[in-house]
């Protein structure tokens, strides 16, 4: 699986619509973010627009599926953020959901959800008991 390094540029100034680098304009999307694949452009934005923008260097998956002409891509969540797995933990006023890594690290009590039994399983059990 190939990985590609890209620069994610995040807008901190709501009045700013884009960034000009050299002779090219880069416009922020609806969520105030755009990505740049050229490392020189990413570094130039980081150096010249330091107060208005935040530039993050991220890894992006470039794996293609057989039979498709486009790339399935997504940003990989680093392990320091706990990955994707969320668990339900007990708090003083009820419960909340946090990443599994944080729950284990902070020693929080994980609430395991009880699996509901299917109707067919109940019927089979009743038949076995002779009801």
N, C-alpha and C. Protein backbone atom coordinates (compact mmCIF):
# COMPACT_ATOMS: atom_id res chain seq x y z
N UNK A 1 0.84 -1.16 0.00
CA UNK A 1 0.00 0.00 0.00
C UNK A 1 0.89 1.23 0.00
N UNK A 2 0.76 2.05 -1.00
CA UNK A 2 1.58 3.24 -1.13
C UNK A 2 0.99 4.38 -0.31
N UNK A 3 1.87 5.19 0.23
CA UNK A 3 1.46 6.36 0.99
C UNK A 3 2.12 7.58 0.39
N UNK A 4 1.39 8.68 0.40
CA UNK A 4 1.89 9.90 -0.17
C UNK A 4 1.82 10.99 0.89
N UNK A 5 2.87 11.83 0.98
CA UNK A 5 2.89 12.94 1.92
C UNK A 5 2.29 14.16 1.25
N UNK A 6 1.30 14.76 1.89
CA UNK A 6 0.67 15.98 1.38
C UNK A 6 0.65 17.01 2.50
N UNK A 7 0.46 18.26 2.12
CA UNK A 7 0.36 19.34 3.08
C UNK A 7 -1.09 19.78 3.16
N UNK A 8 -1.65 19.74 4.37
CA UNK A 8 -3.01 20.17 4.61
C UNK A 8 -2.95 21.60 5.17
N UNK A 9 -3.57 22.54 4.49
CA UNK A 9 -3.54 23.95 4.88
C UNK A 9 -4.89 24.31 5.47
N UNK A 10 -4.89 24.77 6.74
CA UNK A 10 -6.10 25.08 7.48
C UNK A 10 -6.18 26.59 7.69
N UNK A 11 -7.33 27.18 7.42
CA UNK A 11 -7.54 28.62 7.54
C UNK A 11 -7.92 28.99 8.98
N UNK A 12 -7.19 29.95 9.58
CA UNK A 12 -7.54 30.45 10.91
C UNK A 12 -8.25 31.79 10.86
N UNK A 13 -8.29 32.42 9.71
CA UNK A 13 -8.88 33.73 9.56
C UNK A 13 -10.16 33.60 8.73
N UNK A 14 -11.35 33.80 9.32
CA UNK A 14 -12.59 33.60 8.57
C UNK A 14 -12.77 34.59 7.42
N UNK A 15 -12.07 35.73 7.44
CA UNK A 15 -12.19 36.71 6.37
C UNK A 15 -11.32 36.37 5.17
N UNK A 16 -10.38 35.46 5.35
CA UNK A 16 -9.45 35.11 4.28
C UNK A 16 -10.06 34.02 3.40
N UNK A 17 -10.10 34.23 2.09
CA UNK A 17 -10.72 33.29 1.16
C UNK A 17 -9.72 32.34 0.52
N UNK A 18 -8.43 32.71 0.52
CA UNK A 18 -7.43 31.87 -0.12
C UNK A 18 -6.02 32.37 0.15
N UNK A 19 -5.05 31.73 -0.50
CA UNK A 19 -3.63 32.06 -0.35
C UNK A 19 -3.04 32.19 -1.74
N UNK A 20 -2.18 33.18 -1.92
CA UNK A 20 -1.48 33.35 -3.20
C UNK A 20 -0.02 32.96 -3.01
N UNK A 21 0.43 32.00 -3.82
CA UNK A 21 1.83 31.55 -3.79
C UNK A 21 2.36 31.69 -5.21
N UNK A 22 3.35 32.57 -5.36
CA UNK A 22 3.89 32.84 -6.69
C UNK A 22 2.80 33.47 -7.54
N UNK A 23 2.49 32.84 -8.67
CA UNK A 23 1.45 33.36 -9.56
C UNK A 23 0.15 32.56 -9.45
N UNK A 24 0.06 31.68 -8.47
CA UNK A 24 -1.10 30.81 -8.36
C UNK A 24 -1.91 31.11 -7.10
N UNK A 25 -3.24 31.07 -7.23
CA UNK A 25 -4.14 31.25 -6.10
C UNK A 25 -4.65 29.90 -5.63
N UNK A 26 -4.62 29.68 -4.32
CA UNK A 26 -5.19 28.48 -3.71
C UNK A 26 -6.36 28.94 -2.85
N UNK A 27 -7.56 28.37 -3.08
CA UNK A 27 -8.75 28.80 -2.37
C UNK A 27 -9.13 27.74 -1.34
N UNK A 28 -9.59 28.22 -0.20
CA UNK A 28 -10.05 27.32 0.86
C UNK A 28 -11.42 26.78 0.50
N UNK A 29 -11.67 25.54 0.87
CA UNK A 29 -12.96 24.91 0.61
C UNK A 29 -14.00 25.34 1.63
N UNK A 30 -15.14 24.66 1.65
CA UNK A 30 -16.23 24.99 2.56
C UNK A 30 -15.81 24.86 4.02
N UNK A 31 -14.97 23.87 4.30
CA UNK A 31 -14.54 23.65 5.67
C UNK A 31 -13.27 24.41 6.02
N UNK A 32 -12.79 25.27 5.12
CA UNK A 32 -11.62 26.10 5.39
C UNK A 32 -10.30 25.36 5.28
N UNK A 33 -10.25 24.31 4.44
CA UNK A 33 -9.05 23.49 4.30
C UNK A 33 -8.81 23.19 2.83
N UNK A 34 -7.54 23.13 2.42
CA UNK A 34 -7.18 22.57 1.13
C UNK A 34 -5.86 21.83 1.28
N UNK A 35 -5.57 20.92 0.35
CA UNK A 35 -4.33 20.15 0.40
C UNK A 35 -3.45 20.51 -0.79
N UNK A 36 -2.15 20.43 -0.54
CA UNK A 36 -1.15 20.72 -1.56
C UNK A 36 -0.19 19.54 -1.60
N UNK A 37 0.11 19.05 -2.80
CA UNK A 37 1.02 17.91 -2.92
C UNK A 37 2.47 18.34 -3.08
N UNK A 38 2.70 19.56 -3.53
CA UNK A 38 4.06 20.05 -3.75
C UNK A 38 4.67 20.50 -2.42
N UNK A 39 5.77 19.86 -1.97
CA UNK A 39 6.36 20.22 -0.69
C UNK A 39 6.89 21.65 -0.64
N UNK A 40 7.38 22.17 -1.79
CA UNK A 40 7.89 23.54 -1.80
C UNK A 40 6.77 24.55 -1.55
N UNK A 41 5.61 24.33 -2.15
CA UNK A 41 4.47 25.23 -1.95
C UNK A 41 3.99 25.14 -0.50
N UNK A 42 3.92 23.93 0.05
CA UNK A 42 3.50 23.76 1.44
C UNK A 42 4.42 24.48 2.41
N UNK A 43 5.73 24.37 2.18
CA UNK A 43 6.69 25.05 3.06
C UNK A 43 6.62 26.57 2.90
N UNK A 44 6.39 27.04 1.67
CA UNK A 44 6.28 28.48 1.45
C UNK A 44 5.04 29.05 2.14
N UNK A 45 3.93 28.34 2.10
CA UNK A 45 2.73 28.79 2.80
C UNK A 45 2.99 28.80 4.30
N UNK A 46 3.66 27.78 4.81
CA UNK A 46 3.97 27.71 6.24
C UNK A 46 4.85 28.89 6.67
N UNK A 47 5.83 29.26 5.84
CA UNK A 47 6.76 30.33 6.19
C UNK A 47 6.14 31.72 6.05
N UNK A 48 5.37 31.96 5.00
CA UNK A 48 4.89 33.31 4.69
C UNK A 48 3.53 33.65 5.29
N UNK A 49 2.73 32.67 5.63
CA UNK A 49 1.37 32.93 6.12
C UNK A 49 1.20 32.31 7.50
N UNK A 50 2.18 32.52 8.39
CA UNK A 50 2.20 31.78 9.66
C UNK A 50 1.06 32.14 10.61
N UNK A 51 0.56 33.38 10.60
CA UNK A 51 -0.51 33.75 11.54
C UNK A 51 -1.90 33.39 11.02
N UNK A 52 -2.07 33.39 9.71
CA UNK A 52 -3.39 33.16 9.12
C UNK A 52 -3.71 31.70 8.88
N UNK A 53 -2.69 30.88 8.68
CA UNK A 53 -2.92 29.48 8.30
C UNK A 53 -2.08 28.55 9.14
N UNK A 54 -2.53 27.32 9.24
CA UNK A 54 -1.78 26.25 9.87
C UNK A 54 -1.52 25.21 8.80
N UNK A 55 -0.27 24.79 8.64
CA UNK A 55 0.09 23.82 7.61
C UNK A 55 0.54 22.54 8.32
N UNK A 56 -0.16 21.44 8.05
CA UNK A 56 0.16 20.14 8.63
C UNK A 56 0.64 19.22 7.52
N UNK A 57 1.72 18.51 7.77
CA UNK A 57 2.17 17.51 6.81
C UNK A 57 1.58 16.17 7.23
N UNK A 58 0.78 15.57 6.35
CA UNK A 58 0.08 14.33 6.67
C UNK A 58 0.36 13.27 5.62
N UNK A 59 0.15 12.01 6.00
CA UNK A 59 0.28 10.90 5.06
C UNK A 59 -1.09 10.55 4.53
N UNK A 60 -1.18 10.32 3.23
CA UNK A 60 -2.44 9.96 2.60
C UNK A 60 -2.26 8.63 1.87
N UNK A 61 -3.23 7.76 1.99
CA UNK A 61 -3.17 6.47 1.31
C UNK A 61 -3.43 6.66 -0.18
N UNK A 62 -2.65 5.96 -1.01
CA UNK A 62 -2.85 6.04 -2.47
C UNK A 62 -3.15 4.68 -3.06
N UNK A 63 -3.72 3.81 -2.27
CA UNK A 63 -4.04 2.46 -2.73
C UNK A 63 -5.26 2.51 -3.65
N UNK A 64 -5.16 1.85 -4.79
CA UNK A 64 -6.31 1.75 -5.68
C UNK A 64 -6.83 0.33 -5.65
N UNK A 65 -8.11 0.21 -5.84
CA UNK A 65 -8.74 -1.10 -5.86
C UNK A 65 -8.75 -1.62 -7.29
N UNK A 66 -8.56 -2.91 -7.50
CA UNK A 66 -8.57 -3.44 -8.87
C UNK A 66 -9.88 -3.12 -9.58
N UNK A 67 -9.77 -2.67 -10.82
CA UNK A 67 -10.95 -2.36 -11.60
C UNK A 67 -11.41 -0.92 -11.46
N UNK A 68 -10.76 -0.14 -10.61
CA UNK A 68 -11.13 1.26 -10.43
C UNK A 68 -10.01 2.15 -10.93
N UNK A 69 -10.37 3.27 -11.53
CA UNK A 69 -9.39 4.19 -12.05
C UNK A 69 -9.10 5.35 -11.10
N UNK A 70 -9.68 5.33 -9.92
CA UNK A 70 -9.47 6.42 -8.98
C UNK A 70 -8.89 5.87 -7.69
N UNK A 71 -8.41 6.76 -6.85
CA UNK A 71 -7.74 6.38 -5.62
C UNK A 71 -8.70 6.48 -4.45
N UNK A 72 -8.75 5.42 -3.64
CA UNK A 72 -9.47 5.48 -2.38
C UNK A 72 -8.49 6.09 -1.38
N UNK A 73 -8.78 7.27 -0.91
CA UNK A 73 -7.82 7.90 -0.03
C UNK A 73 -8.49 8.37 1.24
N UNK A 74 -7.69 8.51 2.24
CA UNK A 74 -8.14 9.03 3.52
C UNK A 74 -6.95 9.29 4.39
N UNK A 75 -7.09 10.17 5.32
CA UNK A 75 -5.98 10.50 6.19
C UNK A 75 -5.90 9.49 7.31
N UNK A 76 -4.70 9.07 7.61
CA UNK A 76 -4.47 8.10 8.66
C UNK A 76 -4.42 8.84 9.99
N UNK A 77 -5.18 8.36 10.97
CA UNK A 77 -5.17 8.97 12.30
C UNK A 77 -3.98 8.41 13.06
N UNK A 78 -3.08 9.26 13.53
CA UNK A 78 -1.92 8.77 14.26
C UNK A 78 -2.34 8.07 15.54
N UNK A 79 -1.50 7.16 16.02
CA UNK A 79 -1.81 6.40 17.22
C UNK A 79 -1.90 7.29 18.45
N UNK A 80 -1.22 8.45 18.45
CA UNK A 80 -1.29 9.31 19.63
C UNK A 80 -2.69 9.87 19.86
N UNK A 81 -3.55 9.84 18.83
CA UNK A 81 -4.93 10.29 18.98
C UNK A 81 -5.86 9.12 19.32
N UNK A 82 -5.34 7.93 19.46
CA UNK A 82 -6.15 6.80 19.88
C UNK A 82 -6.79 6.01 18.77
N UNK A 83 -6.54 6.34 17.53
CA UNK A 83 -7.10 5.60 16.42
C UNK A 83 -8.61 5.77 16.32
N UNK A 84 -9.27 4.81 15.67
CA UNK A 84 -10.69 4.91 15.40
C UNK A 84 -11.58 4.31 16.47
N UNK A 85 -11.08 3.32 17.22
CA UNK A 85 -11.94 2.56 18.12
C UNK A 85 -12.37 3.39 19.32
N UNK A 86 -13.67 3.50 19.52
CA UNK A 86 -14.24 4.23 20.64
C UNK A 86 -14.93 3.25 21.57
N UNK A 87 -14.86 3.53 22.87
CA UNK A 87 -15.51 2.67 23.86
C UNK A 87 -16.34 3.54 24.80
N UNK A 88 -17.33 2.93 25.41
CA UNK A 88 -18.20 3.60 26.37
C UNK A 88 -17.57 3.46 27.76
N UNK A 89 -17.39 4.60 28.45
CA UNK A 89 -16.78 4.58 29.79
C UNK A 89 -17.71 5.23 30.79
N UNK A 90 -17.57 4.83 32.06
CA UNK A 90 -18.39 5.34 33.14
C UNK A 90 -17.79 6.65 33.65
N UNK A 91 -18.65 7.65 33.84
CA UNK A 91 -18.22 8.93 34.42
C UNK A 91 -19.05 9.21 35.66
N UNK A 92 -18.75 10.31 36.34
CA UNK A 92 -19.47 10.65 37.57
C UNK A 92 -20.95 10.92 37.32
N UNK A 93 -21.27 11.50 36.16
CA UNK A 93 -22.66 11.84 35.88
C UNK A 93 -23.29 10.96 34.79
N UNK A 94 -22.78 9.78 34.58
CA UNK A 94 -23.36 8.88 33.59
C UNK A 94 -22.29 8.14 32.81
N UNK A 95 -22.25 8.37 31.48
CA UNK A 95 -21.26 7.73 30.64
C UNK A 95 -20.90 8.64 29.48
N UNK A 96 -19.79 8.34 28.83
CA UNK A 96 -19.35 9.05 27.64
C UNK A 96 -18.52 8.11 26.78
N UNK A 97 -18.20 8.54 25.57
CA UNK A 97 -17.40 7.74 24.65
C UNK A 97 -16.04 8.40 24.45
N UNK A 98 -14.98 7.61 24.60
CA UNK A 98 -13.61 8.08 24.36
C UNK A 98 -12.88 6.99 23.58
N UNK A 99 -11.69 7.33 23.09
CA UNK A 99 -10.91 6.32 22.39
C UNK A 99 -10.43 5.26 23.38
N UNK A 100 -10.25 4.07 22.88
CA UNK A 100 -9.87 2.96 23.74
C UNK A 100 -8.50 3.21 24.38
N UNK A 101 -7.58 3.80 23.62
CA UNK A 101 -6.24 4.07 24.15
C UNK A 101 -6.30 5.04 25.33
N UNK A 102 -7.12 6.07 25.24
CA UNK A 102 -7.25 7.04 26.33
C UNK A 102 -7.89 6.39 27.54
N UNK A 103 -8.91 5.56 27.33
CA UNK A 103 -9.59 4.89 28.45
C UNK A 103 -8.63 3.99 29.21
N UNK A 104 -7.79 3.26 28.50
CA UNK A 104 -6.83 2.36 29.15
C UNK A 104 -5.76 3.17 29.86
N UNK A 105 -5.26 4.22 29.20
CA UNK A 105 -4.19 5.05 29.76
C UNK A 105 -4.63 5.74 31.05
N UNK A 106 -5.86 6.25 31.09
CA UNK A 106 -6.35 6.97 32.25
C UNK A 106 -7.02 6.06 33.28
N UNK A 107 -7.11 4.77 32.99
CA UNK A 107 -7.69 3.82 33.93
C UNK A 107 -9.19 3.97 34.11
N UNK A 108 -9.91 4.39 33.07
CA UNK A 108 -11.36 4.55 33.15
C UNK A 108 -12.05 3.20 33.06
N UNK A 109 -13.21 3.11 33.70
CA UNK A 109 -13.97 1.86 33.69
C UNK A 109 -14.75 1.76 32.38
N UNK A 110 -14.43 0.73 31.59
CA UNK A 110 -15.08 0.53 30.30
C UNK A 110 -16.38 -0.25 30.50
N UNK A 111 -17.47 0.28 29.95
CA UNK A 111 -18.78 -0.38 30.04
C UNK A 111 -18.96 -1.22 28.79
N UNK A 112 -19.05 -2.52 28.96
CA UNK A 112 -19.26 -3.42 27.83
C UNK A 112 -20.75 -3.56 27.59
N UNK A 113 -21.16 -3.37 26.36
CA UNK A 113 -22.58 -3.47 26.04
C UNK A 113 -22.99 -4.94 26.02
N UNK A 114 -24.16 -5.19 26.58
CA UNK A 114 -24.67 -6.56 26.58
C UNK A 114 -25.29 -6.84 25.23
N UNK A 115 -24.93 -7.97 24.66
CA UNK A 115 -25.49 -8.33 23.37
C UNK A 115 -26.90 -8.87 23.57
N UNK A 116 -27.81 -8.38 22.76
CA UNK A 116 -29.19 -8.85 22.85
C UNK A 116 -29.29 -10.24 22.23
N UNK A 117 -30.07 -11.06 22.88
CA UNK A 117 -30.26 -12.40 22.36
C UNK A 117 -31.33 -12.37 21.28
N UNK A 118 -31.11 -13.13 20.27
CA UNK A 118 -32.09 -13.16 19.19
C UNK A 118 -33.32 -13.98 19.59
N UNK A 119 -34.41 -13.74 18.91
CA UNK A 119 -35.67 -14.42 19.20
C UNK A 119 -35.54 -15.92 18.97
N UNK A 120 -34.83 -16.30 17.92
CA UNK A 120 -34.69 -17.73 17.64
C UNK A 120 -33.88 -18.42 18.73
N UNK A 121 -32.93 -17.73 19.30
CA UNK A 121 -32.14 -18.33 20.37
C UNK A 121 -33.01 -18.57 21.60
N UNK A 122 -33.90 -17.62 21.90
CA UNK A 122 -34.80 -17.79 23.04
C UNK A 122 -35.77 -18.95 22.80
N UNK A 123 -36.30 -19.04 21.58
CA UNK A 123 -37.23 -20.12 21.28
C UNK A 123 -36.55 -21.48 21.38
N UNK A 124 -35.33 -21.59 20.89
CA UNK A 124 -34.61 -22.85 20.98
C UNK A 124 -34.35 -23.23 22.43
N UNK A 125 -34.03 -22.24 23.27
CA UNK A 125 -33.77 -22.51 24.68
C UNK A 125 -35.05 -22.99 25.36
N UNK A 126 -36.18 -22.38 25.05
CA UNK A 126 -37.45 -22.78 25.63
C UNK A 126 -37.82 -24.20 25.22
N UNK A 127 -37.59 -24.52 23.95
CA UNK A 127 -37.88 -25.88 23.46
C UNK A 127 -37.01 -26.91 24.17
N UNK A 128 -35.75 -26.54 24.42
CA UNK A 128 -34.84 -27.47 25.10
C UNK A 128 -35.27 -27.69 26.54
N UNK A 129 -35.87 -26.66 27.16
CA UNK A 129 -36.32 -26.79 28.56
C UNK A 129 -37.69 -27.48 28.65
N UNK A 130 -38.36 -27.64 27.52
CA UNK A 130 -39.63 -28.35 27.51
C UNK A 130 -40.83 -27.47 27.78
N UNK A 131 -40.75 -26.18 27.51
CA UNK A 131 -41.89 -25.29 27.75
C UNK A 131 -42.88 -25.32 26.63
